[in-house]
Amino acid sequence: MKTTNEKKKTPKMPLILVFFGIVLIMIVANIIPKKVQYECAGPTGGTVRMSTFTDKLVIISQNEEVYIWDWNNLSNTPRISSLGLNNMTAVDSDRILAVSTQDKDSMTIIDLNTGKELKRFWLYDAQKCTKINPSHNGKYVIAELPTNATSGKEIKFAVINVDSSSTPKVIKINSKLENFSTENFAVTNDGSLVAIVGGNKNGAIILVDTLSRKILWEKTVDKSITFNKVIFSQDGSKIYASQKDRFVYVFECKTSEIVKKLEIAEYKTPANNPQIISCLTVSGDDSLFAASSGPGSQVYIWDAAKNWEKIDVLKTGHFMTSGISFSPDNTLIAIADSTVGPLKFCKISGKD
């Protein structure tokens, strides 16, 4: 009988395949962009509004607190100021403008570091302001004021220069649009223009010159529905106005021309929660524009410098996005939830 001392050899091919499989997974993992770059606990109770001022991200929470993150050190604990004011907006990373809780006819500038009042603006029936919206740079704030008109054509608002001690400019206009219902306002970074959106049978928009206090133009957009959100470009040359559902119109301020219509894809939602555009924002250099859609939050990003080419669709897992803001260098976008979901910082495609 023939004997042998040869040991049974373990096949080498499966081990080699496993090794190369692991290497391939690691390579692919490094090639495929990870959209969520950083995630942290969001503001208690959810986010009301979000802004970026220089290198700071400022969030107003549902619980009447102000959270401030440093874009350069997102992992650091945010600075939190509890002010107990339920109608306020940040004007920079150190100050907020709020409707006074002690005097119904005034609004105040509060120092976030000390909690002390810095300035007071007198506005008749200020406590009845339904909306206060800042310009992108925070230097101007528009406040919707109550009107006694019954026709629905009179619109009244104040434009507040936060660095001035002068009484805010109160402007009253009368729209020629039939059955116009106001939904939202925006003001340019220099305070010279105000955009008002809403609707009648269709979406409608009004542009006002704050110096002359006159309507420059107003128009209804055929085959649209009520406009619910509006912002200016940083340079004040364009207006972004969104329908309630999934379209955003880009208007040229000088001509009122619609230069672009942006679309968010339609998707199925619960019957009692129809799809709606919840937020709009532009980057500091006007090169990027973003809009969020909910429920089941999605954030669309377009490259405005390339004729608004769509470059990203981010699905964050939030229920309803209530704040979006670009980082100063345009590489990230912060996305916050209206409830207690986490604050997410997502990478923007093609921006390194």
Protein backbone atom coordinates (compact mmCIF):
# COMPACT_ATOMS: atom_id res chain seq x y z
CA MET A 1 0.00 0.00 0.00
CA LYS A 2 1.24 3.44 -1.01
CA THR A 3 1.42 5.98 1.79
CA THR A 4 1.93 9.74 1.68
CA ASN A 5 2.78 12.45 4.16
CA GLU A 6 1.12 15.15 2.08
CA LYS A 7 -1.35 17.21 4.10
CA LYS A 8 -4.73 18.17 2.75
CA LYS A 9 -4.35 21.60 1.21
CA THR A 10 -6.85 24.40 1.81
CA PRO A 11 -8.05 25.90 -1.47
CA LYS A 12 -6.54 29.35 -1.91
CA MET A 13 -8.93 30.80 -4.52
CA PRO A 14 -11.91 31.46 -2.14
CA LEU A 15 -9.61 33.32 0.30
CA ILE A 16 -8.25 35.46 -2.53
CA LEU A 17 -11.79 36.28 -3.70
CA VAL A 18 -12.82 37.24 -0.17
CA PHE A 19 -9.75 39.48 0.18
CA PHE A 20 -10.39 41.28 -3.10
CA GLY A 21 -14.08 41.54 -2.24
CA ILE A 22 -13.25 43.40 0.97
CA VAL A 23 -10.83 45.70 -0.87
CA LEU A 24 -13.45 46.42 -3.53
CA ILE A 25 -16.07 47.31 -0.89
CA MET A 26 -13.61 49.67 0.79
CA ILE A 27 -12.79 51.35 -2.53
CA VAL A 28 -16.45 51.74 -3.48
CA ALA A 29 -17.27 53.08 -0.03
CA ASN A 30 -14.66 55.78 -0.50
CA ILE A 31 -15.78 56.59 -4.04
CA ILE A 32 -19.52 56.85 -3.39
CA PRO A 33 -20.15 60.20 -1.72
CA LYS A 34 -21.57 60.05 1.78
CA LYS A 35 -24.25 62.71 1.70
CA VAL A 36 -24.66 63.09 5.47
CA GLN A 37 -21.27 64.35 6.62
CA TYR A 38 -22.31 65.13 10.19
CA GLU A 39 -25.37 64.67 12.36
CA CYS A 40 -26.25 65.96 15.82
CA ALA A 41 -29.24 66.47 18.08
CA GLY A 42 -31.49 69.21 16.75
CA PRO A 43 -33.08 72.02 18.77
CA THR A 44 -35.50 70.97 21.50
CA GLY A 45 -39.01 70.85 20.09
CA GLY A 46 -37.88 71.37 16.49
CA THR A 47 -36.81 74.27 14.28
CA VAL A 48 -38.80 77.38 13.36
CA ARG A 49 -36.23 79.16 11.18
CA MET A 50 -32.57 78.90 10.21
CA SER A 51 -29.98 81.41 8.94
CA THR A 52 -26.26 81.64 8.26
CA PHE A 53 -24.38 84.80 9.25
CA THR A 54 -20.70 84.77 8.23
CA ASP A 55 -19.40 81.56 9.87
CA LYS A 56 -22.30 80.95 12.27
CA LEU A 57 -25.45 78.86 11.82
CA VAL A 58 -28.34 80.31 13.83
CA ILE A 59 -31.54 78.40 14.57
CA ILE A 60 -34.71 79.57 16.29
CA SER A 61 -36.41 76.63 18.03
CA GLN A 62 -40.04 75.82 18.69
CA ASN A 63 -39.20 76.12 22.41
CA GLU A 64 -38.29 79.82 22.04
CA GLU A 65 -34.54 79.23 22.22
CA VAL A 66 -31.72 80.37 19.93
CA TYR A 67 -29.04 77.81 18.97
CA ILE A 68 -25.76 78.90 17.39
CA TRP A 69 -23.32 76.49 15.73
CA ASP A 70 -19.89 77.36 14.36
CA TRP A 71 -19.65 76.18 10.75
CA ASN A 72 -15.91 75.66 11.26
CA ASN A 73 -16.44 73.38 14.28
CA LEU A 74 -19.78 71.65 13.91
CA SER A 75 -18.93 69.01 16.52
CA ASN A 76 -18.70 71.70 19.20
CA THR A 77 -21.67 72.15 21.52
CA PRO A 78 -23.88 74.96 20.22
CA ARG A 79 -24.37 78.15 22.21
CA ILE A 80 -27.96 78.28 23.48
CA SER A 81 -29.89 81.36 24.60
CA SER A 82 -33.30 80.96 26.27
CA LEU A 83 -35.28 84.16 25.83
CA GLY A 84 -38.93 83.13 26.19
CA LEU A 85 -39.98 85.18 23.15
CA ASN A 86 -42.40 83.49 20.76
CA ASN A 87 -42.15 85.81 17.74
CA MET A 88 -38.52 86.51 16.91
CA THR A 89 -35.90 86.28 14.20
CA ALA A 90 -32.10 86.39 14.26
CA VAL A 91 -30.51 89.45 12.63
CA ASP A 92 -26.94 88.24 13.16
CA SER A 93 -25.15 85.73 15.40
CA ASP A 94 -25.36 88.02 18.45
CA ARG A 95 -28.77 89.72 18.18
CA ILE A 96 -32.42 88.91 17.61
CA LEU A 97 -35.41 91.09 16.78
CA ALA A 98 -38.57 90.18 18.68
CA VAL A 99 -42.10 91.40 19.17
CA SER A 100 -42.20 92.87 22.67
CA THR A 101 -44.02 90.82 25.30
CA GLN A 102 -44.44 93.89 27.53
CA ASP A 103 -45.65 96.52 25.09
CA LYS A 104 -48.06 95.69 22.28
CA ASP A 105 -46.81 98.61 20.17
CA SER A 106 -43.10 97.80 19.96
CA MET A 107 -40.41 95.41 18.77
CA THR A 108 -37.00 95.08 20.41
CA ILE A 109 -33.42 94.13 19.55
CA ILE A 110 -32.03 91.73 22.17
CA ASP A 111 -28.36 90.94 22.81
CA LEU A 112 -28.00 87.13 22.83
CA ASN A 113 -24.90 87.27 25.01
CA THR A 114 -26.45 89.28 27.84
CA GLY A 115 -30.19 88.97 27.24
CA LYS A 116 -30.48 92.75 27.49
CA GLU A 117 -32.53 95.03 25.28
CA LEU A 118 -30.36 97.07 22.91
CA LYS A 119 -32.98 99.00 21.00
CA ARG A 120 -36.74 99.44 20.72
CA PHE A 121 -38.79 100.17 17.62
CA TRP A 122 -42.28 101.61 18.03
CA LEU A 123 -44.93 100.10 15.79
CA TYR A 124 -48.64 100.47 16.38
CA ASP A 125 -50.20 97.06 17.13
CA ALA A 126 -46.84 95.31 16.73
CA GLN A 127 -48.08 92.36 18.80
CA LYS A 128 -50.53 91.57 16.03
CA CYS A 129 -47.71 90.97 13.54
CA THR A 130 -48.44 87.64 11.92
CA LYS A 131 -45.07 87.36 10.15
CA ILE A 132 -41.60 88.84 10.60
CA ASN A 133 -39.03 87.87 7.98
CA PRO A 134 -35.40 89.02 7.77
CA SER A 135 -33.31 89.77 4.70
CA HIS A 136 -30.55 87.24 4.04
CA ASN A 137 -27.96 89.46 5.74
CA GLY A 138 -30.27 90.29 8.66
CA LYS A 139 -29.92 94.06 8.21
CA TYR A 140 -33.60 94.52 7.32
CA VAL A 141 -36.73 92.86 8.64
CA ILE A 142 -40.21 93.02 7.17
CA ALA A 143 -43.18 92.82 9.54
CA GLU A 144 -46.74 92.25 8.34
CA LEU A 145 -49.12 94.64 10.10
CA PRO A 146 -52.88 94.39 10.65
CA THR A 147 -55.19 96.43 8.45
CA ASN A 148 -58.74 97.64 8.97
CA ALA A 149 -59.61 97.26 5.30
CA THR A 150 -62.42 94.88 4.46
CA SER A 151 -61.85 94.63 0.70
CA GLY A 152 -58.76 92.41 1.03
CA LYS A 153 -56.84 94.67 -1.38
CA GLU A 154 -55.04 96.73 1.25
CA ILE A 155 -51.69 95.37 2.45
CA LYS A 156 -49.73 96.98 5.27
CA PHE A 157 -46.20 96.22 6.45
CA ALA A 158 -43.17 97.80 8.10
CA VAL A 159 -39.56 97.66 6.93
CA ILE A 160 -37.15 97.78 9.88
CA ASN A 161 -33.50 98.77 9.53
CA VAL A 162 -32.05 96.97 12.56
CA ASP A 163 -28.96 99.21 12.70
CA SER A 164 -30.95 102.44 12.61
CA SER A 165 -32.59 104.32 15.47
CA SER A 166 -35.23 105.77 13.19
CA THR A 167 -38.88 104.81 13.37
CA PRO A 168 -39.54 101.91 10.97
CA LYS A 169 -40.99 102.75 7.59
CA VAL A 170 -44.66 101.73 7.47
CA ILE A 171 -45.96 101.12 3.95
CA LYS A 172 -49.56 100.65 2.87
CA ILE A 173 -50.43 99.54 -0.66
CA ASN A 174 -53.60 98.67 -2.53
CA SER A 175 -53.34 95.76 -4.91
CA LYS A 176 -55.29 95.63 -8.16
CA LEU A 177 -55.24 91.84 -8.08
CA GLU A 178 -58.72 90.44 -7.66
CA ASN A 179 -59.31 88.61 -4.35
CA PHE A 180 -55.60 88.56 -3.50
CA SER A 181 -54.81 86.73 -0.26
CA THR A 182 -51.38 87.33 1.31
CA GLU A 183 -49.25 84.32 2.26
CA ASN A 184 -45.70 85.61 2.72
CA PHE A 185 -43.20 88.49 2.41
CA ALA A 186 -39.49 88.98 1.64
CA VAL A 187 -37.15 91.99 1.69
CA THR A 188 -33.85 92.57 -0.14
CA ASN A 189 -30.50 92.89 1.62
CA ASP A 190 -30.54 96.68 1.10
CA GLY A 191 -34.18 97.08 2.14
CA SER A 192 -35.16 98.67 -1.19
CA LEU A 193 -37.59 96.02 -2.44
CA VAL A 194 -40.32 93.93 -0.87
CA ALA A 195 -41.95 90.91 -2.52
CA ILE A 196 -45.40 89.75 -1.43
CA VAL A 197 -46.83 86.41 -2.52
CA GLY A 198 -50.18 84.70 -2.17
CA GLY A 199 -52.98 83.99 -4.53
CA ASN A 200 -56.50 84.30 -5.79
CA LYS A 201 -57.49 81.59 -8.24
CA ASN A 202 -53.82 81.26 -9.19
CA GLY A 203 -50.49 82.08 -7.60
CA ALA A 204 -49.77 85.82 -7.50
CA ILE A 205 -46.85 88.11 -6.66
CA ILE A 206 -46.39 91.83 -5.96
CA LEU A 207 -43.12 93.77 -6.02
CA VAL A 208 -42.94 97.03 -4.02
CA ASP A 209 -40.35 99.82 -4.06
CA THR A 210 -39.91 100.83 -0.41
CA LEU A 211 -38.43 104.26 -1.27
CA SER A 212 -41.38 105.42 -3.39
CA ARG A 213 -43.80 103.17 -1.45
CA LYS A 214 -45.35 102.14 -4.75
CA ILE A 215 -46.05 98.85 -6.50
CA LEU A 216 -43.52 98.30 -9.30
CA TRP A 217 -45.46 95.39 -10.74
CA GLU A 218 -47.95 92.72 -9.77
CA LYS A 219 -49.01 89.65 -11.66
CA THR A 220 -50.94 86.43 -11.53
CA VAL A 221 -49.32 83.29 -12.95
CA ASP A 222 -51.63 81.24 -15.12
CA LYS A 223 -52.08 77.54 -14.40
CA SER A 224 -50.51 77.85 -10.95
CA ILE A 225 -51.81 77.62 -7.41
CA THR A 226 -51.27 79.86 -4.37
CA PHE A 227 -47.66 80.88 -3.72
CA ASN A 228 -46.63 80.13 -0.12
CA LYS A 229 -42.90 80.97 0.15
CA VAL A 230 -40.75 83.75 -1.26
CA ILE A 231 -37.11 84.90 -1.05
CA PHE A 232 -34.88 87.27 -3.03
CA SER A 233 -31.53 86.39 -4.49
CA GLN A 234 -28.65 87.83 -2.48
CA ASP A 235 -28.08 90.60 -5.05
CA GLY A 236 -31.78 91.48 -5.19
CA SER A 237 -32.10 90.89 -8.92
CA LYS A 238 -34.36 87.83 -8.75
CA ILE A 239 -37.27 86.48 -6.73
CA TYR A 240 -37.87 82.81 -5.93
CA ALA A 241 -41.56 82.10 -5.26
CA SER A 242 -42.94 78.62 -4.62
CA GLN A 243 -46.35 77.14 -5.13
CA LYS A 244 -47.75 75.25 -2.20
CA ASP A 245 -47.19 71.92 -3.92
CA ARG A 246 -43.96 71.37 -5.90
CA PHE A 247 -43.02 74.19 -8.28
CA VAL A 248 -40.73 77.20 -7.81
CA TYR A 249 -40.84 80.21 -10.15
CA VAL A 250 -37.80 82.44 -10.67
CA PHE A 251 -38.77 86.05 -11.52
CA GLU A 252 -36.58 88.82 -12.90
CA CYS A 253 -37.17 91.85 -10.66
CA LYS A 254 -36.71 94.49 -13.36
CA THR A 255 -39.09 92.96 -15.89
CA SER A 256 -41.36 90.60 -13.87
CA GLU A 257 -40.42 87.92 -16.43
CA ILE A 258 -40.41 84.29 -15.30
CA VAL A 259 -36.89 83.16 -16.23
CA LYS A 260 -37.17 79.62 -14.87
CA LYS A 261 -39.70 77.18 -13.47
CA LEU A 262 -38.16 74.57 -11.17
CA GLU A 263 -39.91 71.29 -10.41
CA ILE A 264 -39.85 68.93 -7.45
CA ALA A 265 -40.97 65.41 -8.34
CA GLU A 266 -44.42 64.38 -7.22
CA TYR A 267 -44.61 61.55 -4.70
CA LYS A 268 -47.30 59.83 -2.68
CA THR A 269 -48.13 61.22 0.77
CA PRO A 270 -50.80 60.49 3.39
CA ALA A 271 -54.22 61.83 2.41
CA ASN A 272 -54.26 64.34 5.27
CA ASN A 273 -50.68 65.55 4.56
CA PRO A 274 -50.41 66.69 0.92
CA GLN A 275 -47.02 67.43 -0.60
CA ILE A 276 -45.88 70.98 0.15
CA ILE A 277 -42.78 73.13 -0.32
CA SER A 278 -41.66 74.08 3.18
CA CYS A 279 -38.40 76.08 2.78
CA LEU A 280 -36.39 78.07 0.25
CA THR A 281 -32.80 79.30 0.50
CA VAL A 282 -29.91 80.62 -1.61
CA SER A 283 -26.18 80.44 -1.02
CA GLY A 284 -24.22 83.51 0.00
CA ASP A 285 -22.84 83.99 -3.52
CA ASP A 286 -26.18 83.24 -5.28
CA SER A 287 -24.68 80.25 -7.11
CA LEU A 288 -26.90 77.66 -5.41
CA PHE A 289 -30.62 77.51 -4.69
CA ALA A 290 -32.46 74.92 -2.58
CA ALA A 291 -36.05 74.04 -1.78
CA SER A 292 -37.42 71.43 0.61
CA SER A 293 -40.53 69.32 0.16
CA GLY A 294 -42.53 67.38 2.72
CA PRO A 295 -43.83 65.31 4.33
CA GLY A 296 -41.06 62.73 4.01
CA SER A 297 -38.59 65.54 3.56
CA GLN A 298 -36.63 65.89 0.35
CA VAL A 299 -34.24 68.76 -0.37
CA TYR A 300 -33.58 69.73 -3.99
CA ILE A 301 -30.49 71.76 -4.92
CA TRP A 302 -29.99 73.60 -8.21
CA ASP A 303 -26.88 75.27 -9.61
CA ALA A 304 -28.12 78.79 -10.38
CA ALA A 305 -24.83 79.61 -12.10
CA LYS A 306 -25.58 76.87 -14.66
CA ASN A 307 -29.12 77.88 -15.59
CA TRP A 308 -30.48 76.19 -12.46
CA GLU A 309 -29.25 72.72 -13.32
CA LYS A 310 -30.45 70.23 -10.70
CA ILE A 311 -27.44 68.77 -8.89
CA ASP A 312 -28.86 67.03 -5.80
CA VAL A 313 -31.93 65.42 -4.27
CA LEU A 314 -31.35 64.74 -0.58
CA LYS A 315 -33.67 62.44 1.37
CA THR A 316 -33.04 63.21 5.03
CA GLY A 317 -35.48 60.94 6.86
CA HIS A 318 -37.13 63.94 8.53
CA PHE A 319 -40.90 64.26 8.57
CA MET A 320 -41.06 67.93 7.56
CA THR A 321 -38.03 70.12 6.90
CA SER A 322 -38.40 73.54 8.56
CA GLY A 323 -34.93 75.00 7.99
CA ILE A 324 -32.22 74.77 5.33
CA SER A 325 -29.02 76.81 4.99
CA PHE A 326 -25.82 76.56 2.95
CA SER A 327 -22.40 76.61 4.57
CA PRO A 328 -20.26 79.70 3.82
CA ASP A 329 -18.11 77.70 1.38
CA ASN A 330 -21.10 76.00 -0.34
CA THR A 331 -19.84 72.48 0.38
CA LEU A 332 -22.56 71.57 2.89
CA ILE A 333 -26.22 72.25 3.51
CA ALA A 334 -27.76 72.15 7.00
CA ILE A 335 -31.21 70.56 7.19
CA ALA A 336 -33.46 70.75 10.26
CA ASP A 337 -36.76 69.12 11.19
CA SER A 338 -39.95 70.79 12.41
CA THR A 339 -40.14 68.26 15.25
CA VAL A 340 -37.40 66.64 17.32
CA GLY A 341 -35.44 65.05 14.47
CA PRO A 342 -31.64 65.40 14.25
CA LEU A 343 -29.88 68.30 12.56
CA LYS A 344 -28.11 66.97 9.47
CA PHE A 345 -25.25 68.44 7.46
CA CYS A 346 -25.16 66.99 3.94
CA LYS A 347 -22.44 67.19 1.31
CA ILE A 348 -23.35 68.95 -1.93
CA SER A 349 -22.42 67.14 -5.14
CA GLY A 350 -19.42 68.59 -6.96
CA LYS A 351 -18.53 70.90 -4.08
CA ASP A 352 -15.29 69.86 -2.35
